[in-house]
Amino acid sequence: MFRFDSPLFWYRLVFLAELMIAEGLFTFKLPRRRYFPLRLAGSVLACYVVTFLLPIAAYNAVYVSFMFVCMFCATVAGLYFCFRAPLLNIAFCAVAAYAVQHIAYEVYTFFVTALGLQAPSGPYEETGEMIFGTWTTFLYIEAYAASYGLMYLFFGSRIKSRTDLHIGNVSLLVISGVILLAAIFLNLLVTYRATEETDTVLLGVVHAYNILCCLLAVFVQFFMLGRKKMQTDLDTLRLLHEQERRHYMIFKENVDYINVKCHDLKHQIRRIARGGNVGSDVIGEIENAVMIYDADVKTGNDALDIVLTEKRLTCVKHGITFSQIADGKQLDIMTDADICSLFGNALDNAIEAVCGIEDKSARVIELTIKASRGFLSVCVRNSCAGDVIFDGDLPRSTKGDDRSHGFGMKSMKAITEKYGGELSVTAESGVFTLNMLFPLSGAREE
């Protein structure tokens, strides 16, 4: 079971290094967990311990395939331990990385077998030694460097920092994994059945076929990713269009409202002309009507402007004092859809909370968006009536139907974590505070 003289025993350690390097090409842009260097070192050590202790119970295609899959699963667990991303995203990157590693292996094996520098069984023999001469070392470096570089250029570079992969079709990911597994098993099956007399051309065809299978697997994955991104962009456009439509309708409604008030002002002017007195309540009503014209917001971010303009108009109608200090230009790290969702939910919750206060003078909402020391700080503070009940670290929904409500706060938390930030909520002395902190540059940590 532990044959230290077996090339396969030691090749597993080489394979693990190849796989982890390939995984690094696809995952280094993902948000990292706190203490990432320590987590990474611990994960690498754990994977090597698992690999070293994994027994070689048999030298055949079935068991060796199973052994490599176990090693692959260990690296997936390590990636999940190091990176703060959904497990599906981790699996997506890991499957693509394994396909890239296998492509590089097949390219290298194709050349060394064709040139007669290595036996068909390669490093999978039960006895013997791993041969690394000048030519084999040169071909090894060239094959892996070229394969890894090209695959990153065409596929890995499409994974952008600070963005979710939005993997919508899990079945295509499973299909890619099955294609990859079939290619690996076919390679091992041919490897263990090939001899010195096996036709080199036939072996070359098998290697080329496996390369094409792995390329197909990666293409299917990123084709799926591209389609999902297109759908997400379309949804974003629809959302912004709807926000703009609502924005227009709100302005239209308030223009009509102002027209009515102007009509009333004519009557007040006539009263003044007749020497009548204008009551203070009438003056207050006139001032409120004029305030509507000051509701349009310019922060430097169009998506945020749409949200704040809409919410500010709502605040005016409900007698809510809304103040803001917002540097919208700093929100360029987010997509427009996420900005609309994040601030729309936050302000909707604040408006709902303050509307429960009978005294309109106590209805206050404050929004602060500022950058400091490489971080973007977002704070939404509002007055609230009664105690806030928490469910874990998030406030519990105050509405009756828990199945359809309470999603807004969870959505905000998910968006915050998507950009490597942290969300916290406090409720003290009748003031509810929502804080969000985002890194503006460098590694994103939990």
Protein backbone atom coordinates (compact mmCIF):
# COMPACT_ATOMS: atom_id res chain seq x y z
CA MET A 1 0.00 0.00 0.00
CA PHE A 2 2.87 2.38 0.78
CA ARG A 3 5.47 1.61 -1.86
CA PHE A 4 8.16 4.25 -1.57
CA ASP A 5 9.91 2.75 -4.58
CA SER A 6 6.82 3.26 -6.75
CA PRO A 7 6.92 6.16 -9.23
CA LEU A 8 3.18 6.64 -8.72
CA PHE A 9 3.66 7.16 -4.98
CA TRP A 10 5.89 10.17 -5.60
CA TYR A 11 4.15 11.39 -8.74
CA ARG A 12 1.04 12.06 -6.66
CA LEU A 13 2.95 14.80 -4.84
CA VAL A 14 3.99 16.34 -8.16
CA PHE A 15 0.42 16.09 -9.45
CA LEU A 16 -0.90 17.83 -6.34
CA ALA A 17 1.46 20.76 -6.88
CA GLU A 18 0.41 20.99 -10.54
CA LEU A 19 -3.26 20.94 -9.59
CA MET A 20 -2.93 23.58 -6.87
CA ILE A 21 -1.02 25.90 -9.20
CA ALA A 22 -3.75 25.50 -11.82
CA GLU A 23 -6.41 26.17 -9.17
CA GLY A 24 -4.55 29.30 -8.18
CA LEU A 25 -4.92 30.65 -11.72
CA PHE A 26 -8.70 30.51 -11.42
CA THR A 27 -9.21 31.41 -7.76
CA PHE A 28 -6.69 34.13 -6.86
CA LYS A 29 -9.25 36.85 -7.63
CA LEU A 30 -11.92 35.38 -5.35
CA PRO A 31 -12.59 37.10 -2.00
CA ARG A 32 -10.26 35.77 0.67
CA ARG A 33 -11.07 34.79 4.20
CA ARG A 34 -9.42 36.37 7.20
CA TYR A 35 -5.91 35.09 7.95
CA PHE A 36 -5.63 33.95 4.35
CA PRO A 37 -1.85 33.21 4.41
CA LEU A 38 -2.25 30.93 7.43
CA ARG A 39 -5.30 29.25 5.91
CA LEU A 40 -3.45 28.72 2.63
CA ALA A 41 -0.41 27.22 4.33
CA GLY A 42 -2.60 24.96 6.44
CA SER A 43 -4.64 23.84 3.43
CA VAL A 44 -1.55 23.01 1.36
CA LEU A 45 -0.06 21.06 4.25
CA ALA A 46 -3.33 19.20 4.86
CA CYS A 47 -3.65 18.27 1.17
CA TYR A 48 -0.13 16.89 1.11
CA VAL A 49 -0.72 14.90 4.29
CA VAL A 50 -3.91 13.41 2.81
CA THR A 51 -2.10 12.61 -0.43
CA PHE A 52 0.88 11.06 1.32
CA LEU A 53 -1.31 8.90 3.55
CA LEU A 54 -3.68 7.88 0.77
CA PRO A 55 -2.84 4.22 0.11
CA ILE A 56 -2.28 2.81 -3.36
CA ALA A 57 -4.45 -0.28 -3.01
CA ALA A 58 -4.21 -1.24 -6.67
CA TYR A 59 -2.44 -0.20 -9.84
CA ASN A 60 -5.31 0.00 -12.31
CA ALA A 61 -7.39 2.66 -14.03
CA VAL A 62 -10.38 2.41 -11.69
CA TYR A 63 -8.56 2.77 -8.37
CA VAL A 64 -6.02 5.33 -9.55
CA SER A 65 -8.86 7.45 -10.98
CA PHE A 66 -10.61 7.20 -7.63
CA MET A 67 -7.40 8.20 -5.85
CA PHE A 68 -6.92 11.29 -7.99
CA VAL A 69 -10.55 12.30 -7.48
CA CYS A 70 -10.04 12.04 -3.71
CA MET A 71 -7.00 14.31 -3.97
CA PHE A 72 -9.03 16.72 -6.07
CA CYS A 73 -11.82 16.80 -3.46
CA ALA A 74 -9.23 17.56 -0.77
CA THR A 75 -8.07 20.61 -2.72
CA VAL A 76 -11.68 21.77 -3.18
CA ALA A 77 -12.14 21.63 0.60
CA GLY A 78 -8.90 23.59 0.99
CA LEU A 79 -10.07 26.24 -1.46
CA TYR A 80 -13.36 26.62 0.38
CA PHE A 81 -11.40 27.01 3.62
CA CYS A 82 -9.28 29.80 2.09
CA PHE A 83 -11.74 31.71 -0.09
CA ARG A 84 -15.03 33.25 0.92
CA ALA A 85 -17.09 32.24 -2.09
CA PRO A 86 -20.06 29.92 -2.67
CA LEU A 87 -19.11 26.25 -2.90
CA LEU A 88 -20.51 26.16 -6.43
CA ASN A 89 -18.09 28.90 -7.48
CA ILE A 90 -15.21 27.01 -5.86
CA ALA A 91 -16.21 23.81 -7.67
CA PHE A 92 -16.44 25.71 -10.96
CA CYS A 93 -12.88 27.02 -10.63
CA ALA A 94 -11.53 23.68 -9.39
CA VAL A 95 -13.03 21.67 -12.28
CA ALA A 96 -11.62 24.15 -14.79
CA ALA A 97 -8.22 23.96 -13.07
CA TYR A 98 -8.19 20.15 -13.14
CA ALA A 99 -9.00 20.25 -16.85
CA VAL A 100 -6.10 22.65 -17.44
CA GLN A 101 -3.73 20.43 -15.45
CA HIS A 102 -4.79 17.41 -17.46
CA ILE A 103 -4.35 19.29 -20.74
CA ALA A 104 -0.78 20.18 -19.74
CA TYR A 105 -0.12 16.58 -18.71
CA GLU A 106 -1.45 15.24 -22.03
CA VAL A 107 0.62 17.74 -24.03
CA TYR A 108 3.77 16.76 -22.14
CA THR A 109 3.05 13.04 -22.41
CA PHE A 110 2.28 13.37 -26.12
CA PHE A 111 5.75 14.75 -26.86
CA VAL A 112 7.82 12.55 -24.55
CA THR A 113 6.04 9.42 -25.79
CA ALA A 114 6.39 10.43 -29.44
CA LEU A 115 10.11 11.13 -28.93
CA GLY A 116 10.62 7.87 -27.05
CA LEU A 117 11.77 9.65 -23.90
CA GLN A 118 9.24 7.89 -21.64
CA ALA A 119 7.50 4.55 -21.54
CA PRO A 120 3.74 4.54 -22.28
CA SER A 121 2.99 3.75 -18.64
CA GLY A 122 4.78 6.93 -17.58
CA PRO A 123 4.77 7.62 -13.83
CA TYR A 124 1.96 5.15 -13.11
CA GLU A 125 4.15 2.07 -12.78
CA GLU A 126 4.29 0.00 -9.63
CA THR A 127 8.06 -0.26 -9.72
CA GLY A 128 10.84 1.70 -11.34
CA GLU A 129 11.88 5.31 -11.08
CA MET A 130 10.71 8.66 -12.37
CA ILE A 131 12.99 9.78 -15.18
CA PHE A 132 13.69 13.48 -15.55
CA GLY A 133 16.51 14.12 -17.98
CA THR A 134 17.48 17.34 -19.71
CA TRP A 135 14.97 16.95 -22.53
CA THR A 136 12.12 15.67 -20.38
CA THR A 137 12.62 18.53 -17.91
CA PHE A 138 12.67 21.06 -20.75
CA LEU A 139 9.53 19.61 -22.32
CA TYR A 140 7.83 19.44 -18.92
CA ILE A 141 8.44 23.14 -18.21
CA GLU A 142 7.47 24.21 -21.72
CA ALA A 143 4.31 22.09 -21.86
CA TYR A 144 2.99 23.20 -18.48
CA ALA A 145 3.99 26.85 -18.83
CA ALA A 146 2.44 27.13 -22.30
CA SER A 147 -0.73 25.25 -21.35
CA TYR A 148 -1.28 27.14 -18.11
CA GLY A 149 -0.50 30.49 -19.72
CA LEU A 150 -2.78 30.04 -22.72
CA MET A 151 -5.66 28.62 -20.69
CA TYR A 152 -5.44 31.51 -18.25
CA LEU A 153 -5.31 34.01 -21.12
CA PHE A 154 -8.40 32.63 -22.84
CA PHE A 155 -10.42 31.45 -19.84
CA GLY A 156 -9.00 32.24 -16.39
CA SER A 157 -8.70 35.96 -17.11
CA ARG A 158 -12.47 36.09 -17.62
CA ILE A 159 -12.98 35.64 -13.88
CA LYS A 160 -13.00 39.24 -12.71
CA SER A 161 -12.18 40.54 -9.26
CA ARG A 162 -15.06 41.71 -7.04
CA THR A 163 -17.69 39.93 -9.12
CA ASP A 164 -19.81 36.90 -8.53
CA LEU A 165 -19.57 34.09 -11.10
CA HIS A 166 -23.38 33.82 -11.26
CA ILE A 167 -23.36 30.12 -12.14
CA GLY A 168 -26.93 29.50 -13.16
CA ASN A 169 -26.84 26.11 -14.88
CA VAL A 170 -25.47 23.49 -12.51
CA SER A 171 -26.19 20.71 -14.99
CA LEU A 172 -23.61 22.09 -17.45
CA LEU A 173 -21.02 22.15 -14.67
CA VAL A 174 -21.81 18.51 -13.92
CA ILE A 175 -21.49 17.68 -17.62
CA SER A 176 -18.07 19.35 -17.71
CA GLY A 177 -17.01 17.33 -14.68
CA VAL A 178 -18.18 14.09 -16.28
CA ILE A 179 -16.31 14.90 -19.52
CA LEU A 180 -13.15 15.59 -17.52
CA LEU A 181 -13.53 12.41 -15.47
CA ALA A 182 -14.04 10.36 -18.64
CA ALA A 183 -10.88 11.84 -20.17
CA ILE A 184 -8.86 11.03 -17.04
CA PHE A 185 -10.18 7.47 -16.90
CA LEU A 186 -9.54 6.92 -20.62
CA ASN A 187 -5.97 8.12 -20.21
CA LEU A 188 -5.35 5.76 -17.31
CA LEU A 189 -7.05 2.86 -19.08
CA VAL A 190 -4.80 3.26 -22.12
CA THR A 191 -1.76 3.87 -19.94
CA TYR A 192 -2.14 0.62 -18.00
CA ARG A 193 -2.88 -1.42 -21.12
CA ALA A 194 -0.18 0.08 -23.34
CA THR A 195 3.14 -1.69 -23.84
CA GLU A 196 6.39 -0.93 -25.60
CA GLU A 197 4.89 -2.47 -28.75
CA THR A 198 1.78 -0.26 -28.72
CA ASP A 199 1.51 1.90 -31.83
CA THR A 200 2.83 5.39 -31.04
CA VAL A 201 0.37 6.94 -33.48
CA LEU A 202 -2.52 5.33 -31.61
CA LEU A 203 -1.22 6.71 -28.32
CA GLY A 204 -0.90 10.14 -29.92
CA VAL A 205 -4.50 10.00 -31.08
CA VAL A 206 -5.63 9.12 -27.55
CA HIS A 207 -3.66 12.02 -26.07
CA ALA A 208 -5.08 14.42 -28.67
CA TYR A 209 -8.60 13.15 -27.96
CA ASN A 210 -8.14 13.71 -24.22
CA ILE A 211 -6.88 17.23 -24.85
CA LEU A 212 -9.96 17.99 -26.94
CA CYS A 213 -12.23 16.53 -24.24
CA CYS A 214 -10.69 18.77 -21.58
CA LEU A 215 -10.89 21.80 -23.85
CA LEU A 216 -14.55 21.00 -24.44
CA ALA A 217 -15.15 20.74 -20.69
CA VAL A 218 -13.60 24.16 -20.04
CA PHE A 219 -15.41 25.69 -23.02
CA VAL A 220 -18.76 24.39 -21.77
CA GLN A 221 -18.07 25.90 -18.34
CA PHE A 222 -17.18 29.35 -19.60
CA PHE A 223 -19.87 29.31 -22.26
CA MET A 224 -22.29 28.76 -19.39
CA LEU A 225 -20.62 31.61 -17.49
CA GLY A 226 -20.88 33.92 -20.49
CA ARG A 227 -24.57 33.21 -21.00
CA LYS A 228 -25.28 33.82 -17.33
CA LYS A 229 -23.40 37.13 -17.45
CA MET A 230 -25.44 38.19 -20.47
CA GLN A 231 -28.63 37.32 -18.59
CA THR A 232 -27.43 39.25 -15.54
CA ASP A 233 -26.59 42.29 -17.66
CA LEU A 234 -30.04 42.09 -19.26
CA ASP A 235 -31.68 41.91 -15.84
CA THR A 236 -29.61 44.93 -14.78
CA LEU A 237 -30.81 46.93 -17.77
CA ARG A 238 -34.39 45.96 -17.04
CA LEU A 239 -34.00 46.95 -13.40
CA LEU A 240 -32.49 50.31 -14.27
CA HIS A 241 -35.18 50.89 -16.87
CA GLU A 242 -37.86 50.18 -14.28
CA GLN A 243 -36.14 52.46 -11.77
CA GLU A 244 -35.96 55.23 -14.36
CA ARG A 245 -39.64 54.72 -15.23
CA ARG A 246 -40.61 54.91 -11.57
CA HIS A 247 -38.36 57.94 -11.16
CA TYR A 248 -40.17 59.69 -14.01
CA MET A 249 -43.60 58.76 -12.64
CA ILE A 250 -42.67 60.07 -9.20
CA PHE A 251 -41.54 63.38 -10.64
CA LYS A 252 -44.69 63.55 -12.73
CA GLU A 253 -46.87 62.91 -9.69
CA ASN A 254 -45.07 65.59 -7.71
CA VAL A 255 -45.28 68.10 -10.54
CA ASP A 256 -49.04 67.52 -10.52
CA TYR A 257 -48.94 67.94 -6.75
CA ILE A 258 -47.09 71.25 -7.10
CA ASN A 259 -49.57 72.43 -9.73
CA VAL A 260 -52.39 71.89 -7.26
CA LYS A 261 -50.45 73.79 -4.60
CA CYS A 262 -49.81 76.62 -7.04
CA HIS A 263 -53.53 76.79 -7.65
CA ASP A 264 -54.04 77.10 -3.90
CA LEU A 265 -51.38 79.81 -3.75
CA LYS A 266 -53.43 81.92 -6.12
CA HIS A 267 -56.22 81.95 -3.60
CA GLN A 268 -53.79 82.86 -0.80
CA ILE A 269 -52.40 85.71 -2.89
CA ARG A 270 -55.92 87.00 -3.40
CA ARG A 271 -56.45 86.90 0.35
CA ILE A 272 -53.25 88.87 0.86
CA ALA A 273 -54.40 91.37 -1.74
CA ARG A 274 -57.63 91.82 0.21
CA GLY A 275 -55.59 92.46 3.34
CA GLY A 276 -56.23 89.07 4.87
CA ASN A 277 -53.78 87.24 7.14
CA VAL A 278 -52.07 84.03 6.09
CA GLY A 279 -51.93 81.39 8.80
CA SER A 280 -48.67 79.70 9.87
CA ASP A 281 -50.08 76.32 8.92
CA VAL A 282 -50.61 77.57 5.38
CA ILE A 283 -47.04 78.89 5.26
CA GLY A 284 -45.77 75.49 6.37
CA GLU A 285 -47.79 73.79 3.67
CA ILE A 286 -46.36 76.14 1.04
CA GLU A 287 -42.81 75.45 2.23
CA ASN A 288 -43.37 71.70 2.03
CA ALA A 289 -44.58 72.05 -1.53
CA VAL A 290 -41.48 74.04 -2.50
CA MET A 291 -39.22 71.44 -0.86
CA ILE A 292 -40.26 68.93 -3.50
CA TYR A 293 -38.18 70.80 -6.07
CA ASP A 294 -35.03 70.18 -4.00
CA ALA A 295 -35.49 66.41 -4.00
CA ASP A 296 -33.37 65.65 -7.09
CA VAL A 297 -30.03 64.17 -5.95
CA LYS A 298 -26.58 64.33 -7.57
CA THR A 299 -23.92 62.19 -5.87
CA GLY A 300 -21.64 61.28 -8.76
CA ASN A 301 -23.21 57.88 -9.34
CA ASP A 302 -26.24 57.68 -11.62
CA ALA A 303 -27.66 54.49 -10.12
CA LEU A 304 -27.39 55.89 -6.59
CA ASP A 305 -28.94 59.18 -7.73
CA ILE A 306 -32.02 57.35 -8.99
CA VAL A 307 -32.46 55.49 -5.71
CA LEU A 308 -31.87 58.50 -3.46
CA THR A 309 -34.13 60.79 -5.48
CA GLU A 310 -36.98 58.30 -5.25
CA LYS A 311 -36.48 57.69 -1.53
CA ARG A 312 -36.08 61.37 -0.73
CA LEU A 313 -39.38 62.19 -2.40
CA THR A 314 -40.99 59.42 -0.37
CA CYS A 315 -39.49 60.93 2.78
CA VAL A 316 -40.92 64.37 1.98
CA LYS A 317 -44.39 62.92 1.50
CA HIS A 318 -44.25 61.10 4.84
CA GLY A 319 -42.78 63.96 6.84
CA ILE A 320 -39.38 62.28 7.22
CA THR A 321 -36.22 64.33 7.65
CA PHE A 322 -33.68 62.77 5.29
CA SER A 323 -30.07 63.94 5.27
CA GLN A 324 -27.16 62.59 3.30
CA ILE A 325 -23.41 62.94 2.83
CA ALA A 326 -22.75 60.66 -0.12
CA ASP A 327 -19.65 60.32 -2.27
CA GLY A 328 -21.25 58.26 -5.02
CA LYS A 329 -18.08 58.08 -7.12
CA GLN A 330 -16.64 55.56 -4.66
CA LEU A 331 -19.40 53.10 -5.60
CA ASP A 332 -17.80 52.35 -8.96
CA ILE A 333 -16.64 49.06 -7.41
CA MET A 334 -20.26 47.84 -7.60
CA THR A 335 -22.59 47.08 -10.47
CA ASP A 336 -25.60 49.35 -10.96
CA ALA A 337 -27.98 46.51 -10.13
CA ASP A 338 -26.25 45.87 -6.80
CA ILE A 339 -26.29 49.58 -5.95
CA CYS A 340 -30.03 49.81 -6.62
CA SER A 341 -30.73 46.67 -4.61
CA LEU A 342 -28.42 47.52 -1.70
CA PHE A 343 -29.46 51.12 -1.10
CA GLY A 344 -33.06 50.54 -2.16
CA ASN A 345 -33.48 47.84 0.48
CA ALA A 346 -31.60 49.81 3.14
CA LEU A 347 -33.66 52.97 2.70
CA ASP A 348 -36.95 51.08 2.30
CA ASN A 349 -36.30 49.43 5.67
CA ALA A 350 -35.42 52.79 7.24
CA ILE A 351 -38.52 54.49 5.82
CA GLU A 352 -40.75 51.66 7.02
CA ALA A 353 -39.24 51.91 10.50
CA VAL A 354 -39.61 55.68 10.93
CA CYS A 355 -43.15 55.69 9.55
CA GLY A 356 -44.12 53.78 12.68
CA ILE A 357 -43.25 56.85 14.79
CA GLU A 358 -46.28 59.05 15.50
CA ASP A 359 -44.26 62.22 16.08
CA LYS A 360 -43.20 63.34 12.59
CA SER A 361 -40.45 65.54 14.01
CA ALA A 362 -38.76 62.35 15.27
CA ARG A 363 -38.78 60.70 11.85
CA VAL A 364 -35.12 60.98 10.89
CA ILE A 365 -32.95 59.09 8.38
CA GLU A 366 -29.25 59.77 7.83
CA LEU A 367 -27.09 58.32 5.06
CA THR A 368 -23.30 58.60 4.97
CA ILE A 369 -21.06 57.26 2.20
CA LYS A 370 -17.37 58.08 2.49
CA ALA A 371 -13.95 56.61 1.74
CA SER A 372 -11.15 56.50 4.30
CA ARG A 373 -7.84 54.62 4.48
CA GLY A 374 -8.60 52.29 1.61
CA PHE A 375 -12.12 51.41 2.76
CA LEU A 376 -15.58 52.57 1.76
CA SER A 377 -17.89 53.15 4.70
CA VAL A 378 -21.67 53.16 4.28
CA CYS A 379 -23.86 54.05 7.25
CA VAL A 380 -27.65 54.24 7.32
CA ARG A 381 -29.04 55.51 10.62
CA ASN A 382 -32.70 56.00 11.45
CA SER A 383 -34.90 56.52 14.46
CA CYS A 384 -37.15 53.62 15.42
CA ALA A 385 -40.02 52.93 17.76
CA GLY A 386 -39.93 49.93 20.07
CA ASP A 387 -37.35 47.20 20.47
CA VAL A 388 -35.67 45.50 17.53
CA ILE A 389 -35.61 41.70 17.79
CA PHE A 390 -32.57 40.02 16.29
CA ASP A 391 -32.40 36.60 14.68
CA GLY A 392 -28.69 35.87 14.86
CA ASP A 393 -26.80 38.95 13.69
CA LEU A 394 -29.67 40.29 11.57
CA PRO A 395 -32.93 41.92 12.71
CA ARG A 396 -36.04 39.80 12.43
CA SER A 397 -38.72 40.88 9.98
CA THR A 398 -41.55 42.84 11.57
CA LYS A 399 -44.01 41.60 8.95
CA GLY A 400 -46.23 38.62 9.42
CA ASP A 401 -45.17 36.45 6.50
CA ASP A 402 -41.60 35.34 7.25
CA ARG A 403 -41.43 33.37 4.01
CA SER A 404 -41.69 36.45 1.81
CA HIS A 405 -40.25 39.11 4.11
CA GLY A 406 -36.85 39.52 5.73
CA PHE A 407 -35.17 38.80 2.41
CA GLY A 408 -34.07 42.42 2.01
CA MET A 409 -31.58 42.33 4.88
CA LYS A 410 -30.22 38.95 3.76
CA SER A 411 -29.87 40.32 0.25
CA MET A 412 -27.90 43.31 1.54
CA LYS A 413 -25.62 41.01 3.52
CA ALA A 414 -25.02 38.85 0.44
CA ILE A 415 -24.20 41.89 -1.72
CA THR A 416 -21.85 43.24 0.95
CA GLU A 417 -19.98 39.95 1.20
CA LYS A 418 -19.87 39.67 -2.58
CA TYR A 419 -17.61 42.74 -2.65
CA GLY A 420 -15.49 41.52 0.26
CA GLY A 421 -17.22 43.73 2.80
CA GLU A 422 -18.80 43.31 6.21
CA LEU A 423 -22.30 44.25 7.35
CA SER A 424 -23.26 44.97 10.95
CA VAL A 425 -26.46 46.14 12.60
CA THR A 426 -27.06 47.79 15.97
CA ALA A 427 -30.16 49.14 17.69
CA GLU A 428 -29.62 51.29 20.77
CA SER A 429 -31.59 54.08 22.47
CA GLY A 430 -34.21 54.28 19.73
CA VAL A 431 -31.65 54.50 16.91
CA PHE A 432 -31.17 51.75 14.34
CA THR A 433 -27.77 51.76 12.62
CA LEU A 434 -26.75 49.77 9.56
CA ASN A 435 -23.00 49.80 8.83
CA MET A 436 -21.29 48.37 5.74
CA LEU A 437 -17.53 48.43 5.16
CA PHE A 438 -15.97 47.62 1.79
CA PRO A 439 -12.29 47.40 0.79
CA LEU A 440 -11.50 49.73 -2.09
CA SER A 441 -8.25 48.05 -3.15
CA GLY A 442 -5.96 45.11 -2.42
CA ALA A 443 -6.94 41.72 -1.06
CA ARG A 444 -10.48 41.34 0.10
CA GLU A 445 -10.72 39.64 3.42
CA GLU A 446 -13.58 38.48 5.54
